[in-house]
Amino acid sequence: MWMDILHVVIGLIAGLVIGFFLARYFMKKYLKKNPPINEEMIKAMMMQMGRKPSQKQVNQIMKSMEKYQ
């Protein structure tokens, strides 16, 4: 009976450790493929739309982006 409980506890601990490292690996891979938006990306998008962004406009967009995350 004690061995059964010990096997379950060891299995849970091993599952948590393996799950943590797998989640970390996939998250790093995802962030490398899809980096979060920064100020330089916002400036580049506005320049492509034909607008010269001021720092105030960039800050406003960054604040609105943070609100939805």
C-alpha atoms as a PDB file:
ATOM      1  CA  MET A   1       0.000   0.000   0.000  1.00  0.00           C
ATOM      2  CA  TRP A   2       2.783   2.440   0.882  1.00  0.00           C
ATOM      3  CA  MET A   3       4.601   1.552  -2.298  1.00  0.00           C
ATOM      4  CA  ASP A   4       1.507   2.390  -4.355  1.00  0.00           C
ATOM      5  CA  ILE A   5       1.251   5.831  -2.752  1.00  0.00           C
ATOM      6  CA  LEU A   6       4.982   6.376  -3.246  1.00  0.00           C
ATOM      7  CA  HIS A   7       4.692   5.468  -6.940  1.00  0.00           C
ATOM      8  CA  VAL A   8       1.826   7.924  -7.400  1.00  0.00           C
ATOM      9  CA  VAL A   9       3.722  10.747  -5.656  1.00  0.00           C
ATOM     10  CA  ILE A  10       6.885  10.093  -7.673  1.00  0.00           C
ATOM     11  CA  GLY A  11       4.823   9.976 -10.860  1.00  0.00           C
ATOM     12  CA  LEU A  12       3.178  13.321 -10.049  1.00  0.00           C
ATOM     13  CA  ILE A  13       6.486  14.993  -9.265  1.00  0.00           C
ATOM     14  CA  ALA A  14       8.083  13.631 -12.454  1.00  0.00           C
ATOM     15  CA  GLY A  15       5.062  14.769 -14.479  1.00  0.00           C
ATOM     16  CA  LEU A  16       5.251  18.274 -13.041  1.00  0.00           C
ATOM     17  CA  VAL A  17       8.970  18.585 -13.776  1.00  0.00           C
ATOM     18  CA  ILE A  18       8.632  17.258 -17.324  1.00  0.00           C
ATOM     19  CA  GLY A  19       5.560  19.441 -17.939  1.00  0.00           C
ATOM     20  CA  PHE A  20       7.384  22.541 -16.720  1.00  0.00           C
ATOM     21  CA  PHE A  21      10.343  22.022 -19.042  1.00  0.00           C
ATOM     22  CA  LEU A  22       8.129  21.175 -22.029  1.00  0.00           C
ATOM     23  CA  ALA A  23       5.995  24.282 -21.465  1.00  0.00           C
ATOM     24  CA  ARG A  24       9.129  26.410 -21.122  1.00  0.00           C
ATOM     25  CA  TYR A  25      10.566  24.995 -24.362  1.00  0.00           C
ATOM     26  CA  PHE A  26       7.377  25.593 -26.359  1.00  0.00           C
ATOM     27  CA  MET A  27       6.943  29.100 -24.926  1.00  0.00           C
ATOM     28  CA  LYS A  28      10.498  30.076 -25.905  1.00  0.00           C
ATOM     29  CA  LYS A  29       9.928  28.634 -29.382  1.00  0.00           C
ATOM     30  CA  TYR A  30       6.648  30.567 -29.737  1.00  0.00           C
ATOM     31  CA  LEU A  31       8.167  33.868 -28.573  1.00  0.00           C
ATOM     32  CA  LYS A  32      11.095  33.453 -30.958  1.00  0.00           C
ATOM     33  CA  LYS A  33       8.664  32.905 -33.846  1.00  0.00           C
ATOM     34  CA  ASN A  34       6.191  35.634 -32.750  1.00  0.00           C
ATOM     35  CA  PRO A  35       8.010  38.331 -30.768  1.00  0.00           C
ATOM     36  CA  PRO A  36       5.904  40.763 -28.731  1.00  0.00           C
ATOM     37  CA  ILE A  37       5.258  44.190 -30.233  1.00  0.00           C
ATOM     38  CA  ASN A  38       7.676  46.930 -29.214  1.00  0.00           C
ATOM     39  CA  GLU A  39       7.974  50.645 -29.991  1.00  0.00           C
ATOM     40  CA  GLU A  40      10.162  50.101 -33.039  1.00  0.00           C
ATOM     41  CA  MET A  41       7.541  47.825 -34.626  1.00  0.00           C
ATOM     42  CA  ILE A  42       4.811  50.420 -34.020  1.00  0.00           C
ATOM     43  CA  LYS A  43       6.963  53.140 -35.582  1.00  0.00           C
ATOM     44  CA  ALA A  44       7.664  50.942 -38.620  1.00  0.00           C
ATOM     45  CA  MET A  45       3.961  50.147 -39.088  1.00  0.00           C
ATOM     46  CA  MET A  46       3.004  53.820 -38.908  1.00  0.00           C
ATOM     47  CA  MET A  47       5.749  54.745 -41.376  1.00  0.00           C
ATOM     48  CA  GLN A  48       4.424  52.093 -43.783  1.00  0.00           C
ATOM     49  CA  MET A  49       0.987  53.688 -43.535  1.00  0.00           C
ATOM     50  CA  GLY A  50       2.518  56.997 -44.553  1.00  0.00           C
ATOM     51  CA  ARG A  51       2.517  58.690 -41.142  1.00  0.00           C
ATOM     52  CA  LYS A  52       5.462  60.080 -39.223  1.00  0.00           C
ATOM     53  CA  PRO A  53       4.741  59.031 -35.643  1.00  0.00           C
ATOM     54  CA  SER A  54       5.596  61.248 -32.707  1.00  0.00           C
ATOM     55  CA  GLN A  55       6.767  59.727 -29.442  1.00  0.00           C
ATOM     56  CA  LYS A  56       3.447  60.728 -27.839  1.00  0.00           C
ATOM     57  CA  GLN A  57       1.496  58.717 -30.434  1.00  0.00           C
ATOM     58  CA  VAL A  58       3.761  55.703 -29.951  1.00  0.00           C
ATOM     59  CA  ASN A  59       3.310  55.903 -26.162  1.00  0.00           C
ATOM     60  CA  GLN A  60      -0.482  56.083 -26.560  1.00  0.00           C
ATOM     61  CA  ILE A  61      -0.498  52.985 -28.763  1.00  0.00           C
ATOM     62  CA  MET A  62       1.781  51.111 -26.333  1.00  0.00           C
ATOM     63  CA  LYS A  63      -0.567  51.943 -23.433  1.00  0.00           C
ATOM     64  CA  SER A  64      -3.596  50.760 -25.396  1.00  0.00           C
ATOM     65  CA  MET A  65      -1.785  47.531 -26.349  1.00  0.00           C
ATOM     66  CA  GLU A  66      -0.871  46.859 -22.687  1.00  0.00           C
ATOM     67  CA  LYS A  67      -4.489  47.348 -21.668  1.00  0.00           C
ATOM     68  CA  TYR A  68      -5.628  44.449 -23.879  1.00  0.00           C
ATOM     69  CA  GLN A  69      -2.903  42.012 -22.831  1.00  0.00           C
END
